[in-house]
PDB file of N, CA and C in Angstrom:
ATOM      1  N   UNK A   1      19.028  13.867   2.865  1.00  0.00           N
ATOM      2  CA  UNK A   1      18.890  13.206   1.644  1.00  0.00           C
ATOM      3  C   UNK A   1      17.535  13.755   0.906  1.00  0.00           C
ATOM      4  N   UNK A   2      16.713  14.438   1.764  1.00  0.00           N
ATOM      5  CA  UNK A   2      15.583  15.119   1.282  1.00  0.00           C
ATOM      6  C   UNK A   2      14.819  14.549   0.219  1.00  0.00           C
ATOM      7  N   UNK A   3      14.924  13.397  -0.219  1.00  0.00           N
ATOM      8  CA  UNK A   3      14.143  12.856  -1.357  1.00  0.00           C
ATOM      9  C   UNK A   3      12.710  12.472  -0.863  1.00  0.00           C
ATOM     10  N   UNK A   4      11.613  12.307  -1.831  1.00  0.00           N
ATOM     11  CA  UNK A   4      10.259  12.218  -1.517  1.00  0.00           C
ATOM     12  C   UNK A   4      10.188  10.669  -0.872  1.00  0.00           C
ATOM     13  N   UNK A   5      11.113   9.944  -1.241  1.00  0.00           N
ATOM     14  CA  UNK A   5      11.228   8.432  -0.861  1.00  0.00           C
ATOM     15  C   UNK A   5      11.308   8.490   0.709  1.00  0.00           C
ATOM     16  N   UNK A   6      12.007   9.334   1.296  1.00  0.00           N
ATOM     17  CA  UNK A   6      12.236   9.284   2.738  1.00  0.00           C
ATOM     18  C   UNK A   6      10.969   9.610   3.566  1.00  0.00           C
ATOM     19  N   UNK A   7       9.969  10.189   2.922  1.00  0.00           N
ATOM     20  CA  UNK A   7       8.829  10.501   3.719  1.00  0.00           C
ATOM     21  C   UNK A   7       7.951   9.110   4.200  1.00  0.00           C
ATOM     22  N   UNK A   8       8.132   8.211   3.361  1.00  0.00           N
ATOM     23  CA  UNK A   8       7.461   6.926   3.836  1.00  0.00           C
ATOM     24  C   UNK A   8       8.341   6.024   4.669  1.00  0.00           C
ATOM     25  N   UNK A   9       9.547   6.329   4.763  1.00  0.00           N
ATOM     26  CA  UNK A   9      10.566   5.491   5.637  1.00  0.00           C
ATOM     27  C   UNK A   9      10.199   5.770   7.092  1.00  0.00           C
ATOM     28  N   UNK A  10      10.059   4.653   7.813  1.00  0.00           N
ATOM     29  CA  UNK A  10       9.784   4.761   9.297  1.00  0.00           C
ATOM     30  C   UNK A  10      11.000   5.365  10.070  1.00  0.00           C
ATOM     31  N   UNK A  11      10.906   5.949  10.942  1.00  0.00           N
ATOM     32  CA  UNK A  11      12.089   6.337  11.822  1.00  0.00           C
ATOM     33  C   UNK A  11      12.510   5.221  12.750  1.00  0.00           C
ATOM     34  N   UNK A  12      13.669   5.034  13.055  1.00  0.00           N
ATOM     35  CA  UNK A  12      14.112   4.085  14.003  1.00  0.00           C
ATOM     36  C   UNK A  12      13.346   3.924  15.244  1.00  0.00           C
ATOM     37  N   UNK A  13      13.026   4.908  15.613  1.00  0.00           N
ATOM     38  CA  UNK A  13      12.310   4.994  16.969  1.00  0.00           C
ATOM     39  C   UNK A  13      10.922   4.317  16.820  1.00  0.00           C
ATOM     40  N   UNK A  14      10.240   4.824  15.579  1.00  0.00           N
ATOM     41  CA  UNK A  14       8.827   4.219  15.495  1.00  0.00           C
ATOM     42  C   UNK A  14       8.922   2.654  15.278  1.00  0.00           C
ATOM     43  N   UNK A  15       9.958   2.175  14.509  1.00  0.00           N
ATOM     44  CA  UNK A  15      10.163   0.939  14.270  1.00  0.00           C
ATOM     45  C   UNK A  15      10.421   0.011  15.538  1.00  0.00           C
ATOM     46  N   UNK A  16      11.155   0.696  16.515  1.00  0.00           N
ATOM     47  CA  UNK A  16      11.615   0.035  17.703  1.00  0.00           C
ATOM     48  C   UNK A  16      10.365  -0.109  18.682  1.00  0.00           C
ATOM     49  N   UNK A  17       9.558   1.032  18.752  1.00  0.00           N
ATOM     50  CA  UNK A  17       8.352   0.962  19.439  1.00  0.00           C
ATOM     51  C   UNK A  17       7.336  -0.123  19.002  1.00  0.00           C
ATOM     52  N   UNK A  18       7.183  -0.086  17.604  1.00  0.00           N
ATOM     53  CA  UNK A  18       6.211  -1.043  17.074  1.00  0.00           C
ATOM     54  C   UNK A  18       6.759  -2.481  17.286  1.00  0.00           C
ATOM     55  N   UNK A  19       8.036  -2.755  17.151  1.00  0.00           N
ATOM     56  CA  UNK A  19       8.581  -3.999  17.354  1.00  0.00           C
ATOM     57  C   UNK A  19       8.428  -4.497  18.941  1.00  0.00           C
ATOM     58  N   UNK A  20       8.619  -3.629  19.779  1.00  0.00           N
ATOM     59  CA  UNK A  20       8.446  -3.847  21.296  1.00  0.00           C
ATOM     60  C   UNK A  20       6.947  -4.186  21.413  1.00  0.00           C
ATOM     61  N   UNK A  21       6.152  -3.667  20.824  1.00  0.00           N
ATOM     62  CA  UNK A  21       4.622  -3.734  21.094  1.00  0.00           C
ATOM     63  C   UNK A  21       4.337  -5.156  20.601  1.00  0.00           C
ATOM     64  N   UNK A  22       4.871  -5.493  19.417  1.00  0.00           N
ATOM     65  CA  UNK A  22       4.610  -6.709  18.549  1.00  0.00           C
ATOM     66  C   UNK A  22       5.207  -7.758  19.454  1.00  0.00           C
ATOM     67  N   UNK A  23       6.504  -7.737  20.093  1.00  0.00           N
ATOM     68  CA  UNK A  23       6.965  -8.652  20.823  1.00  0.00           C
ATOM     69  C   UNK A  23       5.982  -8.976  22.162  1.00  0.00           C
ATOM     70  N   UNK A  24       5.788  -7.909  22.635  1.00  0.00           N
ATOM     71  CA  UNK A  24       4.888  -7.867  23.857  1.00  0.00           C
ATOM     72  C   UNK A  24       3.495  -8.692  23.594  1.00  0.00           C
ATOM     73  N   UNK A  25       3.078  -8.594  22.634  1.00  0.00           N
ATOM     74  CA  UNK A  25       1.800  -9.340  21.962  1.00  0.00           C
ATOM     75  C   UNK A  25       2.116 -10.799  21.848  1.00  0.00           C
ATOM     76  N   UNK A  26       3.259 -11.015  21.247  1.00  0.00           N
ATOM     77  CA  UNK A  26       3.797 -12.440  20.890  1.00  0.00           C
ATOM     78  C   UNK A  26       4.180 -13.125  22.226  1.00  0.00           C
ATOM     79  N   UNK A  27       4.629 -12.651  23.126  1.00  0.00           N
ATOM     80  CA  UNK A  27       5.133 -13.174  24.327  1.00  0.00           C
ATOM     81  C   UNK A  27       3.696 -13.406  25.373  1.00  0.00           C
ATOM     82  N   UNK A  28       2.647 -12.753  24.902  1.00  0.00           N
ATOM     83  CA  UNK A  28       1.438 -12.840  25.826  1.00  0.00           C
ATOM     84  C   UNK A  28       0.469 -13.828  25.337  1.00  0.00           C
ATOM     85  N   UNK A  29       0.562 -14.382  24.169  1.00  0.00           N
ATOM     86  CA  UNK A  29      -0.256 -15.215  23.587  1.00  0.00           C
ATOM     87  C   UNK A  29       0.450 -16.445  22.779  1.00  0.00           C
ATOM     88  N   UNK A  30      -0.286 -17.556  23.049  1.00  0.00           N
ATOM     89  CA  UNK A  30       0.457 -18.866  22.487  1.00  0.00           C
ATOM     90  C   UNK A  30       0.639 -18.780  20.915  1.00  0.00           C
ATOM     91  N   UNK A  31      -0.375 -18.112  20.220  1.00  0.00           N
ATOM     92  CA  UNK A  31      -0.234 -17.980  18.841  1.00  0.00           C
ATOM     93  C   UNK A  31      -0.596 -16.549  18.387  1.00  0.00           C
ATOM     94  N   UNK A  32       0.124 -16.126  17.550  1.00  0.00           N
ATOM     95  CA  UNK A  32      -0.172 -14.826  16.967  1.00  0.00           C
ATOM     96  C   UNK A  32      -0.166 -14.680  15.529  1.00  0.00           C
ATOM     97  N   UNK A  33      -1.203 -14.195  14.783  1.00  0.00           N
ATOM     98  CA  UNK A  33      -1.252 -14.147  13.372  1.00  0.00           C
ATOM     99  C   UNK A  33      -1.214 -12.555  12.948  1.00  0.00           C
ATOM    100  N   UNK A  34      -0.259 -12.236  12.519  1.00  0.00           N
ATOM    101  CA  UNK A  34      -0.382 -10.774  11.964  1.00  0.00           C
ATOM    102  C   UNK A  34      -0.908 -10.784  10.412  1.00  0.00           C
ATOM    103  N   UNK A  35      -2.017 -10.212  10.235  1.00  0.00           N
ATOM    104  CA  UNK A  35      -2.889 -10.506   9.159  1.00  0.00           C
ATOM    105  C   UNK A  35      -3.262  -9.228   8.455  1.00  0.00           C
ATOM    106  N   UNK A  36      -4.048  -9.427   7.493  1.00  0.00           N
ATOM    107  CA  UNK A  36      -4.760  -8.172   6.884  1.00  0.00           C
ATOM    108  C   UNK A  36      -6.029  -9.004   6.427  1.00  0.00           C
ATOM    109  N   UNK A  37      -7.176  -8.221   6.548  1.00  0.00           N
ATOM    110  CA  UNK A  37      -8.534  -8.596   6.392  1.00  0.00           C
ATOM    111  C   UNK A  37      -8.690  -9.221   5.088  1.00  0.00           C
ATOM    112  N   UNK A  38      -8.132  -8.547   3.974  1.00  0.00           N
ATOM    113  CA  UNK A  38      -8.488  -8.992   2.655  1.00  0.00           C
ATOM    114  C   UNK A  38      -7.608 -10.160   2.129  1.00  0.00           C
ATOM    115  N   UNK A  39      -6.736 -10.519   2.974  1.00  0.00           N
ATOM    116  CA  UNK A  39      -5.705 -11.590   2.238  1.00  0.00           C
ATOM    117  C   UNK A  39      -6.110 -12.822   2.383  1.00  0.00           C
ATOM    118  N   UNK A  40      -6.237 -13.681   1.417  1.00  0.00           N
ATOM    119  CA  UNK A  40      -6.772 -14.893   1.228  1.00  0.00           C
ATOM    120  C   UNK A  40      -5.852 -15.971   2.104  1.00  0.00           C
ATOM    121  N   UNK A  41      -4.465 -15.689   1.874  1.00  0.00           N
ATOM    122  CA  UNK A  41      -3.663 -16.561   2.662  1.00  0.00           C
ATOM    123  C   UNK A  41      -3.729 -16.545   4.186  1.00  0.00           C
ATOM    124  N   UNK A  42      -4.139 -15.074   4.553  1.00  0.00           N
ATOM    125  CA  UNK A  42      -4.180 -15.081   6.138  1.00  0.00           C
ATOM    126  C   UNK A  42      -5.630 -15.885   6.451  1.00  0.00           C
ATOM    127  N   UNK A  43      -6.679 -15.656   5.602  1.00  0.00           N
ATOM    128  CA  UNK A  43      -7.965 -16.464   6.034  1.00  0.00           C
ATOM    129  C   UNK A  43      -7.584 -18.132   5.989  1.00  0.00           C
ATOM    130  N   UNK A  44      -6.908 -18.461   5.125  1.00  0.00           N
ATOM    131  CA  UNK A  44      -6.393 -19.931   5.116  1.00  0.00           C
ATOM    132  C   UNK A  44      -5.850 -20.373   6.211  1.00  0.00           C
ATOM    133  N   UNK A  45      -4.824 -19.515   6.765  1.00  0.00           N
ATOM    134  CA  UNK A  45      -4.119 -19.809   8.055  1.00  0.00           C
ATOM    135  C   UNK A  45      -5.077 -19.562   9.397  1.00  0.00           C
ATOM    136  N   UNK A  46      -5.946 -18.669   9.162  1.00  0.00           N
ATOM    137  CA  UNK A  46      -6.998 -18.450  10.508  1.00  0.00           C
ATOM    138  C   UNK A  46      -7.870 -19.777  10.458  1.00  0.00           C
ATOM    139  N   UNK A  47      -8.510 -20.074   9.181  1.00  0.00           N
ATOM    140  CA  UNK A  47      -9.441 -21.168   9.163  1.00  0.00           C
ATOM    141  C   UNK A  47      -8.697 -22.538   9.668  1.00  0.00           C
ATOM    142  N   UNK A  48      -7.497 -22.600   9.197  1.00  0.00           N
ATOM    143  CA  UNK A  48      -6.780 -23.917   9.735  1.00  0.00           C
ATOM    144  C   UNK A  48      -6.651 -23.974  11.193  1.00  0.00           C
ATOM    145  N   UNK A  49      -6.139 -22.807  11.809  1.00  0.00           N
ATOM    146  CA  UNK A  49      -6.210 -22.742  13.313  1.00  0.00           C
ATOM    147  C   UNK A  49      -7.539 -23.047  13.898  1.00  0.00           C
ATOM    148  N   UNK A  50      -8.470 -22.429  13.445  1.00  0.00           N
ATOM    149  CA  UNK A  50      -9.791 -22.451  13.899  1.00  0.00           C
ATOM    150  C   UNK A  50     -10.196 -24.158  13.904  1.00  0.00           C
ATOM    151  N   UNK A  51     -10.013 -24.705  12.739  1.00  0.00           N
ATOM    152  CA  UNK A  51     -10.261 -26.284  12.626  1.00  0.00           C
ATOM    153  C   UNK A  51      -9.553 -27.006  13.454  1.00  0.00           C
ATOM    154  N   UNK A  52      -8.351 -26.613  13.863  1.00  0.00           N
ATOM    155  CA  UNK A  52      -7.579 -27.465  14.825  1.00  0.00           C
ATOM    156  C   UNK A  52      -8.061 -27.254  16.336  1.00  0.00           C
ATOM    157  N   UNK A  53      -8.837 -26.113  16.505  1.00  0.00           N
ATOM    158  CA  UNK A  53      -9.144 -25.828  17.789  1.00  0.00           C
ATOM    159  C   UNK A  53      -8.264 -25.039  18.648  1.00  0.00           C
ATOM    160  N   UNK A  54      -7.474 -24.272  17.771  1.00  0.00           N
ATOM    161  CA  UNK A  54      -6.290 -23.539  18.569  1.00  0.00           C
ATOM    162  C   UNK A  54      -7.038 -22.257  19.010  1.00  0.00           C
ATOM    163  N   UNK A  55      -6.250 -21.883  20.113  1.00  0.00           N
ATOM    164  CA  UNK A  55      -6.665 -20.405  20.558  1.00  0.00           C
ATOM    165  C   UNK A  55      -5.516 -19.411  19.935  1.00  0.00           C
ATOM    166  N   UNK A  56      -5.905 -18.389  19.395  1.00  0.00           N
ATOM    167  CA  UNK A  56      -4.919 -17.539  18.723  1.00  0.00           C
ATOM    168  C   UNK A  56      -5.260 -15.921  18.725  1.00  0.00           C
ATOM    169  N   UNK A  57      -4.451 -15.251  18.648  1.00  0.00           N
ATOM    170  CA  UNK A  57      -4.463 -13.741  18.529  1.00  0.00           C
ATOM    171  C   UNK A  57      -4.284 -13.359  17.153  1.00  0.00           C
ATOM    172  N   UNK A  58      -5.304 -12.487  16.761  1.00  0.00           N
ATOM    173  CA  UNK A  58      -5.086 -12.025  15.444  1.00  0.00           C
ATOM    174  C   UNK A  58      -4.897 -10.431  15.383  1.00  0.00           C
ATOM    175  N   UNK A  59      -3.765  -9.964  14.811  1.00  0.00           N
ATOM    176  CA  UNK A  59      -3.783  -8.543  14.653  1.00  0.00           C
ATOM    177  C   UNK A  59      -3.881  -8.199  13.190  1.00  0.00           C
ATOM    178  N   UNK A  60      -4.972  -7.652  12.897  1.00  0.00           N
ATOM    179  CA  UNK A  60      -5.267  -7.143  11.502  1.00  0.00           C
ATOM    180  C   UNK A  60      -4.718  -5.883  11.105  1.00  0.00           C
ATOM    181  N   UNK A  61      -3.484  -5.930  10.527  1.00  0.00           N
ATOM    182  CA  UNK A  61      -2.623  -4.913  10.327  1.00  0.00           C
ATOM    183  C   UNK A  61      -3.269  -3.687   9.453  1.00  0.00           C
ATOM    184  N   UNK A  62      -4.146  -4.159   8.556  1.00  0.00           N
ATOM    185  CA  UNK A  62      -4.826  -3.019   7.724  1.00  0.00           C
ATOM    186  C   UNK A  62      -6.022  -2.139   8.474  1.00  0.00           C
ATOM    187  N   UNK A  63      -6.203  -2.646   9.766  1.00  0.00           N
ATOM    188  CA  UNK A  63      -7.009  -2.042  10.825  1.00  0.00           C
ATOM    189  C   UNK A  63      -6.412  -1.481  11.820  1.00  0.00           C
ATOM    190  N   UNK A  64      -5.143  -1.340  11.937  1.00  0.00           N
ATOM    191  CA  UNK A  64      -4.292  -0.794  12.874  1.00  0.00           C
ATOM    192  C   UNK A  64      -3.900   0.613  12.451  1.00  0.00           C
ATOM    193  N   UNK A  65      -3.720   1.597  13.180  1.00  0.00           N
ATOM    194  CA  UNK A  65      -3.322   2.916  12.825  1.00  0.00           C
ATOM    195  C   UNK A  65      -1.866   2.850  12.402  1.00  0.00           C
ATOM    196  N   UNK A  66      -1.110   2.074  13.160  1.00  0.00           N
ATOM    197  CA  UNK A  66       0.339   1.867  12.922  1.00  0.00           C
ATOM    198  C   UNK A  66       0.658   0.293  12.261  1.00  0.00           C
ATOM    199  N   UNK A  67      -0.255  -0.145  11.550  1.00  0.00           N
ATOM    200  CA  UNK A  67      -0.161  -1.350  11.020  1.00  0.00           C
ATOM    201  C   UNK A  67       1.053  -1.422  10.053  1.00  0.00           C
ATOM    202  N   UNK A  68       1.241  -0.350   9.274  1.00  0.00           N
ATOM    203  CA  UNK A  68       2.403  -0.472   8.328  1.00  0.00           C
ATOM    204  C   UNK A  68       3.713  -0.499   9.081  1.00  0.00           C
ATOM    205  N   UNK A  69       3.584   0.179  10.101  1.00  0.00           N
ATOM    206  CA  UNK A  69       5.041   0.265  10.979  1.00  0.00           C
ATOM    207  C   UNK A  69       5.282  -1.092  11.695  1.00  0.00           C
ATOM    208  N   UNK A  70       4.207  -1.623  12.098  1.00  0.00           N
ATOM    209  CA  UNK A  70       4.350  -2.970  12.631  1.00  0.00           C
ATOM    210  C   UNK A  70       4.807  -3.981  11.738  1.00  0.00           C
ATOM    211  N   UNK A  71       4.312  -3.853  10.491  1.00  0.00           N
ATOM    212  CA  UNK A  71       4.837  -4.861   9.400  1.00  0.00           C
ATOM    213  C   UNK A  71       6.327  -4.578   9.004  1.00  0.00           C
ATOM    214  N   UNK A  72       6.481  -3.344   8.978  1.00  0.00           N
ATOM    215  CA  UNK A  72       8.054  -3.048   8.689  1.00  0.00           C
ATOM    216  C   UNK A  72       8.908  -3.549   9.932  1.00  0.00           C
ATOM    217  N   UNK A  73       8.511  -3.446  11.090  1.00  0.00           N
ATOM    218  CA  UNK A  73       9.270  -3.694  12.006  1.00  0.00           C
ATOM    219  C   UNK A  73       9.326  -5.189  12.280  1.00  0.00           C
ATOM    220  N   UNK A  74       8.342  -6.009  11.704  1.00  0.00           N
ATOM    221  CA  UNK A  74       8.292  -7.462  11.732  1.00  0.00           C
ATOM    222  C   UNK A  74       9.375  -7.928  10.719  1.00  0.00           C
ATOM    223  N   UNK A  75       9.240  -7.142   9.509  1.00  0.00           N
ATOM    224  CA  UNK A  75      10.272  -7.455   8.380  1.00  0.00           C
ATOM    225  C   UNK A  75      11.679  -7.451   8.895  1.00  0.00           C
ATOM    226  N   UNK A  76      11.912  -6.296   9.626  1.00  0.00           N
ATOM    227  CA  UNK A  76      13.419  -6.133   9.936  1.00  0.00           C
ATOM    228  C   UNK A  76      13.736  -7.215  10.890  1.00  0.00           C
ATOM    229  N   UNK A  77      12.889  -7.681  11.782  1.00  0.00           N
ATOM    230  CA  UNK A  77      13.069  -8.807  12.849  1.00  0.00           C
ATOM    231  C   UNK A  77      13.127 -10.079  12.080  1.00  0.00           C
ATOM    232  N   UNK A  78      12.159 -10.316  11.404  1.00  0.00           N
ATOM    233  CA  UNK A  78      12.208 -11.826  10.951  1.00  0.00           C
ATOM    234  C   UNK A  78      12.573 -12.014   9.443  1.00  0.00           C
ATOM    235  N   UNK A  79      12.723 -10.925   8.659  1.00  0.00           N
ATOM    236  CA  UNK A  79      13.068 -11.070   7.146  1.00  0.00           C
ATOM    237  C   UNK A  79      11.914 -11.263   6.470  1.00  0.00           C
ATOM    238  N   UNK A  80      10.789 -11.467   7.072  1.00  0.00           N
ATOM    239  CA  UNK A  80       9.489 -11.660   6.151  1.00  0.00           C
ATOM    240  C   UNK A  80       8.691 -10.406   6.053  1.00  0.00           C
ATOM    241  N   UNK A  81       8.449 -10.039   4.861  1.00  0.00           N
ATOM    242  CA  UNK A  81       7.645  -8.767   4.581  1.00  0.00           C
ATOM    243  C   UNK A  81       6.060  -9.007   4.477  1.00  0.00           C
ATOM    244  N   UNK A  82       5.699 -10.240   4.202  1.00  0.00           N
ATOM    245  CA  UNK A  82       4.443 -10.606   3.803  1.00  0.00           C
ATOM    246  C   UNK A  82       3.552 -10.904   4.994  1.00  0.00           C
ATOM    247  N   UNK A  83       2.197 -11.005   4.853  1.00  0.00           N
ATOM    248  CA  UNK A  83       1.246 -11.686   5.754  1.00  0.00           C
ATOM    249  C   UNK A  83       0.651 -12.769   5.055  1.00  0.00           C
ATOM    250  N   UNK A  84       0.183 -13.807   5.880  1.00  0.00           N
ATOM    251  CA  UNK A  84       0.231 -13.689   7.521  1.00  0.00           C
ATOM    252  C   UNK A  84       1.737 -13.928   7.908  1.00  0.00           C
ATOM    253  N   UNK A  85       1.937 -13.381   8.976  1.00  0.00           N
ATOM    254  CA  UNK A  85       3.184 -13.655   9.694  1.00  0.00           C
ATOM    255  C   UNK A  85       2.918 -14.119  10.890  1.00  0.00           C
ATOM    256  N   UNK A  86       3.164 -15.483  11.184  1.00  0.00           N
ATOM    257  CA  UNK A  86       2.727 -16.363  12.275  1.00  0.00           C
ATOM    258  C   UNK A  86       3.803 -16.623  13.319  1.00  0.00           C
ATOM    259  N   UNK A  87       3.412 -16.494  14.593  1.00  0.00           N
ATOM    260  CA  UNK A  87       4.261 -16.942  15.667  1.00  0.00           C
ATOM    261  C   UNK A  87       3.535 -17.987  16.628  1.00  0.00           C
ATOM    262  N   UNK A  88       4.465 -18.968  16.889  1.00  0.00           N
ATOM    263  CA  UNK A  88       3.748 -20.035  17.862  1.00  0.00           C
ATOM    264  C   UNK A  88       4.627 -20.245  18.841  1.00  0.00           C
ATOM    265  N   UNK A  89       4.151 -20.209  20.072  1.00  0.00           N
ATOM    266  CA  UNK A  89       5.052 -20.236  21.373  1.00  0.00           C
ATOM    267  C   UNK A  89       6.264 -19.107  21.336  1.00  0.00           C
ATOM    268  N   UNK A  90       6.027 -18.040  20.937  1.00  0.00           N
ATOM    269  CA  UNK A  90       6.886 -17.015  20.905  1.00  0.00           C
ATOM    270  C   UNK A  90       8.018 -17.283  19.627  1.00  0.00           C
ATOM    271  N   UNK A  91       7.813 -18.192  18.846  1.00  0.00           N
ATOM    272  CA  UNK A  91       8.749 -18.403  17.879  1.00  0.00           C
ATOM    273  C   UNK A  91       8.193 -18.028  16.330  1.00  0.00           C
ATOM    274  N   UNK A  92       8.961 -17.383  15.533  1.00  0.00           N
ATOM    275  CA  UNK A  92       8.545 -17.263  14.207  1.00  0.00           C
ATOM    276  C   UNK A  92       8.384 -18.298  13.344  1.00  0.00           C
ATOM    277  N   UNK A  93       7.136 -18.702  12.711  1.00  0.00           N
ATOM    278  CA  UNK A  93       6.907 -19.746  12.152  1.00  0.00           C
ATOM    279  C   UNK A  93       7.020 -19.498  10.585  1.00  0.00           C
ATOM    280  N   UNK A  94       6.517 -18.311  10.051  1.00  0.00           N
ATOM    281  CA  UNK A  94       6.403 -17.962   8.765  1.00  0.00           C
ATOM    282  C   UNK A  94       4.882 -17.642   8.331  1.00  0.00           C
ATOM    283  N   UNK A  95       4.845 -17.838   7.018  1.00  0.00           N
ATOM    284  CA  UNK A  95       3.433 -17.280   6.373  1.00  0.00           C
ATOM    285  C   UNK A  95       2.762 -18.644   6.056  1.00  0.00           C
ATOM    286  N   UNK A  96       1.715 -18.532   5.295  1.00  0.00           N
ATOM    287  CA  UNK A  96       0.780 -19.534   4.882  1.00  0.00           C
ATOM    288  C   UNK A  96       1.373 -20.913   4.464  1.00  0.00           C
ATOM    289  N   UNK A  97       2.230 -20.757   3.623  1.00  0.00           N
ATOM    290  CA  UNK A  97       2.950 -21.977   3.022  1.00  0.00           C
ATOM    291  C   UNK A  97       3.620 -22.614   4.090  1.00  0.00           C
ATOM    292  N   UNK A  98       4.526 -21.994   5.059  1.00  0.00           N
ATOM    293  CA  UNK A  98       5.217 -22.692   6.152  1.00  0.00           C
ATOM    294  C   UNK A  98       4.280 -23.458   7.242  1.00  0.00           C
ATOM    295  N   UNK A  99       3.126 -22.610   7.452  1.00  0.00           N
ATOM    296  CA  UNK A  99       2.210 -23.212   8.479  1.00  0.00           C
ATOM    297  C   UNK A  99       1.626 -24.439   7.784  1.00  0.00           C
ATOM    298  N   UNK A 100       1.208 -24.324   6.575  1.00  0.00           N
ATOM    299  CA  UNK A 100       0.376 -25.420   5.933  1.00  0.00           C
ATOM    300  C   UNK A 100       1.509 -26.680   5.763  1.00  0.00           C
ATOM    301  N   UNK A 101       2.756 -26.258   5.387  1.00  0.00           N
ATOM    302  CA  UNK A 101       3.665 -27.447   5.231  1.00  0.00           C
ATOM    303  C   UNK A 101       3.832 -28.199   6.666  1.00  0.00           C
ATOM    304  N   UNK A 102       3.966 -27.390   7.659  1.00  0.00           N
ATOM    305  CA  UNK A 102       4.047 -28.010   8.959  1.00  0.00           C
ATOM    306  C   UNK A 102       2.841 -28.977   9.369  1.00  0.00           C
ATOM    307  N   UNK A 103       1.743 -28.413   8.893  1.00  0.00           N
ATOM    308  CA  UNK A 103       0.349 -29.220   9.176  1.00  0.00           C
ATOM    309  C   UNK A 103       0.504 -30.388   8.465  1.00  0.00           C
ATOM    310  N   UNK A 104       0.854 -30.346   7.141  1.00  0.00           N
ATOM    311  CA  UNK A 104       0.831 -31.574   6.262  1.00  0.00           C
ATOM    312  C   UNK A 104       1.985 -32.646   6.803  1.00  0.00           C
ATOM    313  N   UNK A 105       3.017 -31.985   7.448  1.00  0.00           N
ATOM    314  CA  UNK A 105       4.133 -33.009   7.881  1.00  0.00           C
ATOM    315  C   UNK A 105       3.773 -33.490   9.397  1.00  0.00           C
ATOM    316  N   UNK A 106       2.575 -33.112   9.836  1.00  0.00           N
ATOM    317  CA  UNK A 106       2.222 -33.449  11.289  1.00  0.00           C
ATOM    318  C   UNK A 106       3.044 -32.689  12.370  1.00  0.00           C
ATOM    319  N   UNK A 107       3.529 -31.581  11.940  1.00  0.00           N
ATOM    320  CA  UNK A 107       4.420 -30.977  13.002  1.00  0.00           C
ATOM    321  C   UNK A 107       3.678 -29.650  13.686  1.00  0.00           C
ATOM    322  N   UNK A 108       2.560 -29.375  13.198  1.00  0.00           N
ATOM    323  CA  UNK A 108       1.697 -28.201  13.560  1.00  0.00           C
ATOM    324  C   UNK A 108       0.951 -28.422  14.926  1.00  0.00           C
ATOM    325  N   UNK A 109       0.221 -29.564  14.995  1.00  0.00           N
ATOM    326  CA  UNK A 109      -0.416 -29.713  16.230  1.00  0.00           C
ATOM    327  C   UNK A 109       0.434 -29.902  17.402  1.00  0.00           C
ATOM    328  N   UNK A 110       1.548 -30.597  17.164  1.00  0.00           N
ATOM    329  CA  UNK A 110       2.507 -30.730  18.299  1.00  0.00           C
ATOM    330  C   UNK A 110       3.034 -29.238  18.768  1.00  0.00           C
ATOM    331  N   UNK A 111       3.235 -28.350  17.653  1.00  0.00           N
ATOM    332  CA  UNK A 111       3.745 -27.174  18.151  1.00  0.00           C
ATOM    333  C   UNK A 111       2.585 -26.261  18.814  1.00  0.00           C
ATOM    334  N   UNK A 112       1.394 -26.563  18.460  1.00  0.00           N
ATOM    335  CA  UNK A 112       0.379 -25.824  18.964  1.00  0.00           C
ATOM    336  C   UNK A 112       0.033 -26.446  20.379  1.00  0.00           C
ATOM    337  N   UNK A 113       0.152 -27.614  20.569  1.00  0.00           N
ATOM    338  CA  UNK A 113      -0.004 -28.301  21.855  1.00  0.00           C
ATOM    339  C   UNK A 113       1.057 -27.793  22.848  1.00  0.00           C
ATOM    340  N   UNK A 114       2.337 -27.876  22.434  1.00  0.00           N
ATOM    341  CA  UNK A 114       3.353 -27.424  23.370  1.00  0.00           C
ATOM    342  C   UNK A 114       3.261 -25.862  23.553  1.00  0.00           C
ATOM    343  N   UNK A 115       2.942 -25.191  22.924  1.00  0.00           N
ATOM    344  CA  UNK A 115       2.514 -23.746  23.132  1.00  0.00           C
ATOM    345  C   UNK A 115       1.380 -23.472  24.027  1.00  0.00           C
ATOM    346  N   UNK A 116       0.657 -24.440  24.204  1.00  0.00           N
ATOM    347  CA  UNK A 116      -0.694 -24.336  25.202  1.00  0.00           C
ATOM    348  C   UNK A 116      -1.925 -23.762  24.387  1.00  0.00           C
ATOM    349  N   UNK A 117      -1.905 -23.759  22.866  1.00  0.00           N
ATOM    350  CA  UNK A 117      -2.860 -23.131  22.147  1.00  0.00           C
ATOM    351  C   UNK A 117      -4.107 -24.098  22.132  1.00  0.00           C
ATOM    352  N   UNK A 118      -3.703 -25.586  22.126  1.00  0.00           N
ATOM    353  CA  UNK A 118      -4.717 -26.452  21.930  1.00  0.00           C
ATOM    354  C   UNK A 118      -4.408 -27.595  23.093  1.00  0.00           C
ATOM    355  N   UNK A 119      -5.494 -28.214  23.633  1.00  0.00           N
ATOM    356  CA  UNK A 119      -5.428 -29.200  24.511  1.00  0.00           C
ATOM    357  C   UNK A 119      -4.710 -30.560  23.950  1.00  0.00           C
ATOM    358  N   UNK A 120      -4.133 -31.356  24.685  1.00  0.00           N
ATOM    359  CA  UNK A 120      -3.334 -32.547  24.136  1.00  0.00           C
ATOM    360  C   UNK A 120      -4.260 -33.308  23.110  1.00  0.00           C
ATOM    361  N   UNK A 121      -5.510 -33.677  23.545  1.00  0.00           N
ATOM    362  CA  UNK A 121      -6.166 -34.610  22.664  1.00  0.00           C
ATOM    363  C   UNK A 121      -7.248 -33.983  21.700  1.00  0.00           C
ATOM    364  N   UNK A 122      -7.236 -32.624  21.626  1.00  0.00           N
ATOM    365  CA  UNK A 122      -8.529 -32.133  20.904  1.00  0.00           C
ATOM    366  C   UNK A 122      -8.314 -31.964  19.532  1.00  0.00           C
ATOM    367  N   UNK A 123      -7.062 -31.848  18.858  1.00  0.00           N
ATOM    368  CA  UNK A 123      -7.004 -31.867  17.493  1.00  0.00           C
ATOM    369  C   UNK A 123      -6.048 -32.849  16.643  1.00  0.00           C
ATOM    370  N   UNK A 124      -6.929 -33.694  15.910  1.00  0.00           N
ATOM    371  CA  UNK A 124      -6.198 -34.783  15.250  1.00  0.00           C
ATOM    372  C   UNK A 124      -6.392 -34.659  13.611  1.00  0.00           C
ATOM    373  N   UNK A 125      -6.697 -33.522  13.236  1.00  0.00           N
ATOM    374  CA  UNK A 125      -6.932 -33.437  11.864  1.00  0.00           C
ATOM    375  C   UNK A 125      -5.856 -33.587  10.879  1.00  0.00           C
TER     376      UNK A 125
END
């Protein structure tokens, strides 16, 4: 096809490698936030998790050499192209709105507790 658009397209192998790496990170931590340092929505989610006393892993995609590839791989896997892209207990939760909504409904703390990210009695915000 030779158009200049194809130069930005990630190869299937690159996406597969990035997705395998992302899945490895997700399975190794109770909470993972794929983020960008300049994203206000990402900051909100990280602040909420910190307020709740949750332990979480942040991957700042704008500081990773393969951050664009990881984001593309996550989009293919989850259907979500934006950040933050949050996983709790290995399950895709969504972005800022989804995390905030779960918190407002009283569902976030139990998810975090079940995932082992917070102690049973530490977060009652």
